[in-house]
């Protein structure tokens, strides 16, 4: 009789142990699943992720300051009439240099000029190329210097006389020029060079004192939607001034070259007071009105100013880390002129300092070439530009940057005419700052 009892007890104990182990295992699994990640840190140290797209942006269109505009990779020439931005015009001043030293045009008797031609190698264009443009070329009567700084608003009238210094002109249509534009200059100018003293051609230092350079410009375009800005590569071997002459030994030609040793200055002007330009009305308030749309133009035209009026609300959030701050700059899709004028390929930003100067953002690859995330390129799919300003915004909250706002402008504004209408901070499809951040 004892053996069955003992057997029953053993069976009972096994069942109890099995149930206890099973319940403990199940309870342990529930805790592991429900509490995952929560007990890794103390209650007060948990990391929480947040997202914001409601930061208020105050945005304005402002006039561009004069740009440093010398020894650029391309030189711009032309005039166009934009129904939104008004009239824009580009001209340039440049040295021409001797292609060799100790030049003597009189070794075989008295030389006779056949012609002298200015060749300009075309690189690109902007606007309506089918509009004829009238070019004028002047010799400079005041020197320009290779080692000096020049700006896009240079007063070109200080460097030539409109009547006495004209040495050539030509009417041409830009879209009929595939490669090189040639402008035949006056024969009197050719003879002026041939009759000069031999000492003026000993070397380039002497020659630049004798012949200070040329100014190339165009007459104004006054019809809306017409005209273009043409980009010329003066550093191309095809861009030069060639003197053709003959003497007792036959026909000759001599190259006056344009190279990296030449000072080359882009000169830009803008006229918003045309009565037809959209910007004409904004000029009344000197571009200080907060508008739902903004106007950004190259060639020293206009740019956008962006401010964060409630930045102190962000500073009031203790112990946060900005994971990403991305500015989304939408184009105004209702602006039909975008069909006729190419948008800037890329936009960029500068921080405004207390004294009105600007500085690079710490996100900018110019500041740090390892920063590959900055972006700024136009995204056709979303019809917007995106610029990552994560480090700048974190430093702004920390007080490393003064709270004076940002300037937004075309990345290639010194050498391109591209312009765009974008949405501001009050537009229905407004410019936004998208922020993801961590609370510690």
Protein backbone atom coordinates (compact mmCIF):
# COMPACT_ATOMS: atom_id res chain seq x y z
CA UNK A 1 0.00 0.00 0.00
CA UNK A 2 2.91 2.38 0.61
CA UNK A 3 4.30 2.16 -2.88
CA UNK A 4 1.20 3.63 -4.59
CA UNK A 5 1.17 6.57 -2.14
CA UNK A 6 4.81 7.37 -2.76
CA UNK A 7 4.24 7.07 -6.49
CA UNK A 8 1.31 9.49 -6.30
CA UNK A 9 3.37 12.01 -4.32
CA UNK A 10 6.16 11.86 -6.86
CA UNK A 11 3.71 12.47 -9.67
CA UNK A 12 2.16 15.39 -7.80
CA UNK A 13 5.54 16.98 -7.13
CA UNK A 14 6.50 16.65 -10.81
CA UNK A 15 3.29 18.39 -11.90
CA UNK A 16 3.81 21.24 -9.40
CA UNK A 17 7.41 21.74 -10.45
CA UNK A 18 6.45 21.71 -14.13
CA UNK A 19 3.72 24.29 -13.60
CA UNK A 20 6.02 26.54 -11.55
CA UNK A 21 8.74 26.45 -14.16
CA UNK A 22 6.25 27.07 -16.97
CA UNK A 23 4.63 30.02 -15.18
CA UNK A 24 8.03 31.50 -14.38
CA UNK A 25 9.11 31.14 -18.00
CA UNK A 26 5.94 32.73 -19.34
CA UNK A 27 6.13 35.58 -16.83
CA UNK A 28 9.73 36.14 -17.76
CA UNK A 29 8.88 36.34 -21.48
CA UNK A 30 6.14 38.91 -20.91
CA UNK A 31 8.46 41.13 -18.94
CA UNK A 32 11.18 40.87 -21.57
CA UNK A 33 8.77 41.84 -24.32
CA UNK A 34 6.86 44.63 -22.58
CA UNK A 35 9.85 46.27 -20.94
CA UNK A 36 12.31 46.06 -23.82
CA UNK A 37 14.57 49.13 -23.81
CA UNK A 38 12.82 50.80 -20.88
CA UNK A 39 15.01 49.46 -18.10
CA UNK A 40 18.26 50.02 -19.95
CA UNK A 41 18.42 53.57 -18.52
CA UNK A 42 17.11 55.07 -15.30
CA UNK A 43 13.66 56.64 -15.58
CA UNK A 44 15.03 60.21 -15.81
CA UNK A 45 17.63 59.37 -18.48
CA UNK A 46 15.42 57.86 -21.17
CA UNK A 47 16.08 59.15 -24.74
CA UNK A 48 12.97 60.39 -26.56
CA UNK A 49 12.83 61.32 -30.25
CA UNK A 50 10.76 64.25 -31.53
CA UNK A 51 9.93 65.82 -34.87
CA UNK A 52 8.89 69.39 -35.70
CA UNK A 53 7.75 71.10 -38.91
CA UNK A 54 6.12 74.15 -37.30
CA UNK A 55 9.09 76.49 -36.76
CA UNK A 56 8.04 79.99 -37.85
CA UNK A 57 10.14 81.53 -40.62
CA UNK A 58 10.15 85.25 -41.39
CA UNK A 59 11.27 85.70 -44.99
CA UNK A 60 12.08 88.74 -47.12
CA UNK A 61 13.42 89.58 -50.56
CA UNK A 62 16.45 91.86 -50.28
CA UNK A 63 18.81 93.50 -52.76
CA UNK A 64 22.06 91.65 -53.28
CA UNK A 65 25.21 93.41 -52.13
CA UNK A 66 27.83 94.04 -54.77
CA UNK A 67 29.75 90.88 -55.56
CA UNK A 68 33.46 90.39 -55.93
CA UNK A 69 33.54 90.01 -59.68
CA UNK A 70 37.04 89.61 -61.04
CA UNK A 71 39.08 86.78 -62.60
CA UNK A 72 36.00 84.55 -62.77
CA UNK A 73 35.84 81.43 -64.93
CA UNK A 74 33.39 83.04 -67.39
CA UNK A 75 32.52 86.57 -68.42
CA UNK A 76 28.93 87.58 -69.12
CA UNK A 77 27.64 89.84 -71.88
CA UNK A 78 24.11 90.82 -72.84
CA UNK A 79 20.82 92.33 -71.72
CA UNK A 80 17.41 90.77 -71.16
CA UNK A 81 13.99 92.00 -70.04
CA UNK A 82 12.35 89.72 -67.50
CA UNK A 83 8.58 90.14 -66.83
CA UNK A 84 9.19 89.39 -63.15
CA UNK A 85 12.69 90.72 -62.42
CA UNK A 86 12.84 93.63 -64.85
CA UNK A 87 15.93 94.47 -66.87
CA UNK A 88 19.33 92.87 -66.28
CA UNK A 89 22.55 93.70 -68.09
CA UNK A 90 26.06 92.26 -68.12
CA UNK A 91 29.29 93.74 -69.50
CA UNK A 92 32.96 93.10 -68.87
CA UNK A 93 36.37 94.76 -68.79
CA UNK A 94 39.53 92.83 -69.58
CA UNK A 95 43.20 93.18 -70.30
CA UNK A 96 44.67 91.87 -73.54
CA UNK A 97 48.34 90.93 -73.53
CA UNK A 98 51.15 90.40 -75.99
CA UNK A 99 51.64 86.82 -77.15
CA UNK A 100 55.38 87.47 -77.38
CA UNK A 101 57.88 90.11 -76.26
CA UNK A 102 59.97 92.63 -78.18
CA UNK A 103 57.37 92.92 -80.93
CA UNK A 104 58.40 95.03 -83.92
CA UNK A 105 55.85 95.49 -86.68
CA UNK A 106 58.34 97.57 -88.74
CA UNK A 107 61.05 95.02 -89.49
CA UNK A 108 59.98 94.84 -93.15
CA UNK A 109 59.05 98.40 -93.93
CA UNK A 110 55.93 100.26 -92.93
CA UNK A 111 53.09 97.87 -92.04
CA UNK A 112 49.57 98.37 -93.37
CA UNK A 113 46.56 97.15 -91.40
CA UNK A 114 44.13 94.79 -93.09
CA UNK A 115 41.84 94.31 -90.09
CA UNK A 116 41.71 93.65 -86.39
CA UNK A 117 39.20 91.17 -84.93
CA UNK A 118 38.09 90.41 -81.38
CA UNK A 119 37.17 86.73 -80.94
CA UNK A 120 35.07 85.56 -77.97
CA UNK A 121 34.47 81.87 -77.29
CA UNK A 122 30.83 81.22 -76.35
CA UNK A 123 30.25 78.85 -73.41
CA UNK A 124 26.54 79.13 -72.59
CA UNK A 125 23.61 81.53 -72.49
CA UNK A 126 20.50 82.49 -70.52
CA UNK A 127 17.26 83.91 -71.87
CA UNK A 128 15.91 84.47 -75.37
CA UNK A 129 18.87 84.00 -77.72
CA UNK A 130 16.82 84.81 -80.81
CA UNK A 131 16.80 88.52 -79.94
CA UNK A 132 19.46 90.56 -81.81
CA UNK A 133 21.88 92.43 -79.57
CA UNK A 134 24.15 95.33 -80.41
CA UNK A 135 27.67 95.05 -79.01
CA UNK A 136 30.03 97.96 -78.45
CA UNK A 137 33.76 97.66 -77.72
CA UNK A 138 35.76 100.48 -76.12
CA UNK A 139 39.42 100.86 -75.26
CA UNK A 140 40.05 101.75 -71.64
CA UNK A 141 41.49 105.14 -70.76
CA UNK A 142 41.99 104.26 -67.09
CA UNK A 143 44.02 101.18 -66.02
CA UNK A 144 42.70 98.11 -64.27
CA UNK A 145 45.10 96.08 -62.16
CA UNK A 146 45.60 92.34 -61.96
CA UNK A 147 46.22 92.38 -58.20
CA UNK A 148 43.23 94.58 -57.25
CA UNK A 149 39.74 93.61 -56.08
CA UNK A 150 36.77 94.65 -58.20
CA UNK A 151 33.03 94.39 -57.65
CA UNK A 152 30.06 93.75 -59.91
CA UNK A 153 28.67 97.27 -59.41
CA UNK A 154 31.87 98.86 -60.73
CA UNK A 155 31.24 102.28 -62.29
CA UNK A 156 32.36 101.41 -65.81
CA UNK A 157 31.96 105.03 -66.90
CA UNK A 158 35.16 105.82 -65.03
CA UNK A 159 37.17 103.69 -67.45
CA UNK A 160 36.20 104.90 -70.94
CA UNK A 161 34.72 107.74 -72.94
CA UNK A 162 31.53 106.87 -74.79
CA UNK A 163 32.62 108.72 -77.96
CA UNK A 164 36.39 108.99 -78.03
CA UNK A 165 37.13 105.40 -76.99
CA UNK A 166 34.72 103.43 -79.19
CA UNK A 167 36.80 101.01 -81.30
CA UNK A 168 34.16 98.66 -82.71
CA UNK A 169 30.54 97.54 -82.70
CA UNK A 170 28.40 94.76 -84.10
CA UNK A 171 24.78 93.58 -84.12
CA UNK A 172 24.43 89.81 -83.79
CA UNK A 173 21.90 87.18 -82.75
CA UNK A 174 23.31 84.87 -80.02
CA UNK A 175 21.60 81.69 -81.18
CA UNK A 176 23.33 82.02 -84.56
CA UNK A 177 26.73 81.72 -82.88
CA UNK A 178 27.64 78.07 -82.31
CA UNK A 179 31.11 78.64 -80.95
CA UNK A 180 33.07 81.84 -81.49
CA UNK A 181 31.75 85.37 -81.85
CA UNK A 182 33.97 87.62 -83.96
CA UNK A 183 33.77 91.41 -83.84
CA UNK A 184 35.71 93.33 -86.48
CA UNK A 185 37.13 96.46 -84.87
CA UNK A 186 37.84 99.78 -86.56
CA UNK A 187 40.79 100.06 -88.93
CA UNK A 188 41.82 103.28 -87.17
CA UNK A 189 42.34 101.23 -84.03
CA UNK A 190 44.48 98.74 -85.95
CA UNK A 191 46.64 101.58 -87.27
CA UNK A 192 46.83 103.01 -83.76
CA UNK A 193 48.54 99.79 -82.67
CA UNK A 194 50.81 99.56 -85.72
CA UNK A 195 52.01 103.15 -85.36
CA UNK A 196 52.89 102.84 -81.68
CA UNK A 197 56.44 103.21 -80.43
CA UNK A 198 58.47 100.00 -80.39
CA UNK A 199 59.15 100.56 -76.69
CA UNK A 200 55.44 100.02 -75.99
CA UNK A 201 55.80 96.42 -77.19
CA UNK A 202 58.96 95.41 -75.33
CA UNK A 203 57.01 93.39 -72.76
CA UNK A 204 53.56 93.21 -71.21
CA UNK A 205 54.32 95.70 -68.47
CA UNK A 206 55.08 98.34 -71.11
CA UNK A 207 52.17 97.28 -73.30
CA UNK A 208 49.59 97.51 -70.47
CA UNK A 209 50.71 101.04 -69.78
CA UNK A 210 50.22 101.86 -73.44
CA UNK A 211 47.00 99.90 -73.99
CA UNK A 212 45.03 99.47 -70.79
CA UNK A 213 42.45 96.99 -72.00
CA UNK A 214 38.92 96.87 -73.43
CA UNK A 215 35.36 97.29 -72.21
CA UNK A 216 32.71 95.16 -73.96
CA UNK A 217 29.03 95.97 -73.49
CA UNK A 218 25.63 95.88 -75.25
CA UNK A 219 22.78 98.31 -75.79
CA UNK A 220 19.69 97.95 -73.62
CA UNK A 221 16.80 95.62 -74.45
CA UNK A 222 13.45 97.25 -73.72
CA UNK A 223 10.91 94.64 -74.85
CA UNK A 224 9.53 92.27 -72.23
CA UNK A 225 10.55 88.65 -72.69
CA UNK A 226 13.40 89.46 -75.08
CA UNK A 227 17.17 89.44 -74.80
CA UNK A 228 19.72 87.10 -73.28
CA UNK A 229 22.90 86.96 -71.24
CA UNK A 230 25.68 85.11 -73.05
CA UNK A 231 28.53 83.47 -71.15
CA UNK A 232 31.96 83.77 -72.76
CA UNK A 233 35.09 81.81 -71.87
CA UNK A 234 37.86 84.39 -72.11
CA UNK A 235 40.43 81.83 -70.98
CA UNK A 236 39.82 79.72 -74.06
CA UNK A 237 42.63 79.79 -76.64
CA UNK A 238 39.99 80.95 -79.13
CA UNK A 239 39.27 84.14 -77.16
CA UNK A 240 41.78 86.74 -78.33
CA UNK A 241 42.28 89.89 -80.41
CA UNK A 242 44.08 89.34 -83.72
CA UNK A 243 45.76 92.04 -85.78
CA UNK A 244 46.00 91.24 -89.50
CA UNK A 245 48.52 93.34 -91.49
CA UNK A 246 50.92 93.25 -94.39
CA UNK A 247 54.34 94.63 -95.24
CA UNK A 248 56.98 94.08 -97.93
CA UNK A 249 57.43 90.50 -96.74
CA UNK A 250 53.75 89.57 -97.11
CA UNK A 251 50.70 89.14 -94.90
CA UNK A 252 50.96 88.57 -91.17
CA UNK A 253 48.85 88.25 -88.06
CA UNK A 254 49.63 88.90 -84.44
CA UNK A 255 47.70 87.58 -81.43
CA UNK A 256 46.86 89.70 -78.42
CA UNK A 257 45.88 87.06 -75.88
CA UNK A 258 43.51 86.93 -72.94
CA UNK A 259 44.76 84.59 -70.22
CA UNK A 260 44.90 84.06 -66.46
CA UNK A 261 47.37 86.93 -66.13
CA UNK A 262 44.71 89.33 -67.41
CA UNK A 263 42.38 91.12 -65.06
CA UNK A 264 38.81 90.25 -66.14
CA UNK A 265 35.89 92.05 -64.47
CA UNK A 266 32.18 91.32 -64.75
CA UNK A 267 29.96 94.41 -64.45
CA UNK A 268 26.23 93.94 -63.71
CA UNK A 269 23.28 96.32 -63.56
CA UNK A 270 19.60 95.73 -62.71
CA UNK A 271 16.59 97.93 -63.31
CA UNK A 272 13.52 96.92 -61.29
CA UNK A 273 11.77 100.25 -61.83
CA UNK A 274 10.48 99.32 -65.26
CA UNK A 275 6.77 99.62 -64.46
CA UNK A 276 6.28 96.12 -65.84
CA UNK A 277 8.41 94.18 -63.36
CA UNK A 278 6.74 92.45 -60.41
CA UNK A 279 9.61 93.68 -58.28
CA UNK A 280 8.79 97.29 -59.17
CA UNK A 281 6.15 97.41 -56.41
CA UNK A 282 8.45 95.80 -53.85
CA UNK A 283 11.07 98.47 -54.47
CA UNK A 284 8.76 100.99 -52.80
CA UNK A 285 9.54 99.37 -49.46
CA UNK A 286 13.13 98.55 -50.40
CA UNK A 287 12.39 94.82 -50.33
CA UNK A 288 11.54 94.86 -46.61
CA UNK A 289 7.97 93.58 -46.91
CA UNK A 290 7.32 90.03 -45.75
CA UNK A 291 5.77 88.44 -48.80
CA UNK A 292 4.36 84.99 -49.52
CA UNK A 293 6.85 84.63 -52.37
CA UNK A 294 10.54 85.50 -52.62
CA UNK A 295 12.77 86.48 -55.55
CA UNK A 296 16.31 85.14 -55.96
CA UNK A 297 18.45 86.25 -58.91
CA UNK A 298 22.07 85.83 -59.94
CA UNK A 299 24.40 88.53 -61.28
CA UNK A 300 24.15 90.54 -58.07
CA UNK A 301 20.36 90.83 -58.28
CA UNK A 302 18.26 89.75 -55.28
CA UNK A 303 18.44 87.20 -52.51
CA UNK A 304 16.23 86.01 -49.65
CA UNK A 305 16.64 86.73 -45.96
CA UNK A 306 15.41 84.13 -43.47
CA UNK A 307 14.95 84.67 -39.76
CA UNK A 308 13.73 82.47 -36.89
CA UNK A 309 11.69 84.93 -34.78
CA UNK A 310 10.89 82.43 -32.02
CA UNK A 311 14.30 80.84 -31.68
CA UNK A 312 14.14 81.34 -27.90
CA UNK A 313 11.34 78.78 -27.75
CA UNK A 314 13.86 76.22 -28.93
CA UNK A 315 16.48 77.47 -26.51
CA UNK A 316 13.96 76.97 -23.73
CA UNK A 317 13.97 73.23 -24.33
CA UNK A 318 16.64 71.92 -21.98
CA UNK A 319 19.05 69.17 -23.00
CA UNK A 320 18.13 68.55 -26.61
CA UNK A 321 20.30 67.40 -29.48
CA UNK A 322 19.42 68.33 -33.07
CA UNK A 323 19.57 65.15 -35.15
CA UNK A 324 18.65 66.88 -38.39
CA UNK A 325 17.53 70.36 -39.44
CA UNK A 326 16.64 70.63 -43.11
CA UNK A 327 15.40 73.73 -44.90
CA UNK A 328 12.86 72.94 -47.64
CA UNK A 329 12.71 75.72 -50.24
CA UNK A 330 9.75 75.24 -52.58
CA UNK A 331 9.54 76.98 -55.92
CA UNK A 332 6.36 78.93 -56.69
CA UNK A 333 4.74 76.44 -59.07
CA UNK A 334 2.18 79.02 -60.20
CA UNK A 335 4.94 81.22 -61.63
CA UNK A 336 4.70 80.61 -65.38
CA UNK A 337 7.95 82.46 -66.18
CA UNK A 338 9.84 79.42 -64.86
CA UNK A 339 9.05 77.85 -68.23
CA UNK A 340 11.13 80.52 -70.00
CA UNK A 341 13.98 81.09 -67.56
CA UNK A 342 16.04 78.23 -66.15
CA UNK A 343 16.17 77.90 -62.38
CA UNK A 344 19.46 78.08 -60.50
CA UNK A 345 20.97 74.62 -60.39
CA UNK A 346 21.93 75.06 -56.74
CA UNK A 347 21.20 77.36 -53.80
CA UNK A 348 23.28 78.06 -50.72
CA UNK A 349 23.16 79.92 -47.40
CA UNK A 350 25.33 82.28 -45.37
CA UNK A 351 24.92 83.30 -41.73
CA UNK A 352 24.50 87.05 -41.15
CA UNK A 353 26.92 88.49 -38.58
CA UNK A 354 26.29 91.36 -36.17
CA UNK A 355 28.13 93.83 -38.40
CA UNK A 356 26.20 92.82 -41.52
CA UNK A 357 28.95 90.66 -43.00
CA UNK A 358 28.34 87.00 -43.67
CA UNK A 359 30.06 83.77 -42.70
CA UNK A 360 29.97 80.17 -43.84
CA UNK A 361 27.72 77.68 -42.10
CA UNK A 362 29.54 74.82 -40.34
CA UNK A 363 27.55 72.44 -42.57
CA UNK A 364 28.91 74.02 -45.76
CA UNK A 365 31.37 71.78 -47.65
CA UNK A 366 33.47 74.89 -48.35
CA UNK A 367 33.95 75.11 -44.58
CA UNK A 368 34.44 71.37 -44.21
CA UNK A 369 34.87 69.28 -47.35
CA UNK A 370 33.80 66.15 -45.46
CA UNK A 371 30.27 67.57 -45.08
CA UNK A 372 28.64 65.82 -48.02
CA UNK A 373 25.07 66.22 -46.74
CA UNK A 374 24.66 69.98 -47.23
CA UNK A 375 22.93 69.57 -50.63
CA UNK A 376 21.24 72.73 -52.04
CA UNK A 377 20.61 71.24 -55.49
CA UNK A 378 17.23 71.60 -57.16
CA UNK A 379 15.10 68.46 -56.86
CA UNK A 380 12.76 68.40 -59.83
CA UNK A 381 10.67 65.57 -58.39
CA UNK A 382 9.58 67.58 -55.35
CA UNK A 383 10.08 70.98 -57.07
CA UNK A 384 12.17 72.26 -54.22
CA UNK A 385 15.69 72.82 -52.94
CA UNK A 386 16.80 71.14 -49.70
CA UNK A 387 19.65 72.40 -47.53
CA UNK A 388 20.81 70.55 -44.43
CA UNK A 389 21.73 73.03 -41.67
CA UNK A 390 21.92 70.64 -38.70
CA UNK A 391 25.18 71.85 -37.19
CA UNK A 392 24.32 75.50 -37.75
CA UNK A 393 20.96 75.15 -35.98
CA UNK A 394 22.53 73.29 -33.04
CA UNK A 395 25.21 75.99 -32.76
CA UNK A 396 22.54 78.69 -33.06
CA UNK A 397 20.73 77.22 -30.05
CA UNK A 398 24.03 77.06 -28.18
CA UNK A 399 24.78 80.72 -28.88
CA UNK A 400 27.76 80.05 -31.17
CA UNK A 401 26.05 82.07 -33.93
CA UNK A 402 24.33 85.41 -33.51
CA UNK A 403 20.60 85.43 -34.18
CA UNK A 404 20.66 87.66 -37.28
CA UNK A 405 19.26 85.19 -39.77
CA UNK A 406 20.48 83.72 -43.04
CA UNK A 407 20.89 84.86 -46.62
CA UNK A 408 19.72 82.47 -49.32
CA UNK A 409 21.07 82.95 -52.82
CA UNK A 410 22.06 81.24 -56.06
CA UNK A 411 25.30 79.30 -55.58
CA UNK A 412 26.77 80.55 -58.88
CA UNK A 413 25.45 84.10 -58.57
CA UNK A 414 28.79 85.63 -59.63
CA UNK A 415 28.84 83.98 -63.04
CA UNK A 416 25.23 83.03 -63.88
CA UNK A 417 22.04 84.98 -64.50
CA UNK A 418 19.61 82.26 -63.34
CA UNK A 419 16.69 83.38 -61.22
CA UNK A 420 13.77 81.77 -59.39
CA UNK A 421 10.59 82.65 -57.50
CA UNK A 422 10.27 80.62 -54.29
CA UNK A 423 7.67 80.39 -51.55
CA UNK A 424 8.12 82.31 -48.30
CA UNK A 425 7.15 81.63 -44.71
CA UNK A 426 3.51 82.65 -45.16
CA UNK A 427 2.74 80.80 -48.39
CA UNK A 428 0.21 77.94 -48.47
CA UNK A 429 3.10 75.75 -49.65
CA UNK A 430 5.53 77.59 -47.43
CA UNK A 431 9.23 77.24 -46.94
CA UNK A 432 9.78 74.93 -43.96
CA UNK A 433 12.43 73.96 -41.48
CA UNK A 434 12.05 70.26 -40.70
CA UNK A 435 13.70 69.33 -37.40
CA UNK A 436 14.22 65.97 -35.72
CA UNK A 437 15.71 66.13 -32.24
CA UNK A 438 16.39 64.10 -29.14
CA UNK A 439 15.45 64.93 -25.58
CA UNK A 440 18.05 63.64 -23.13
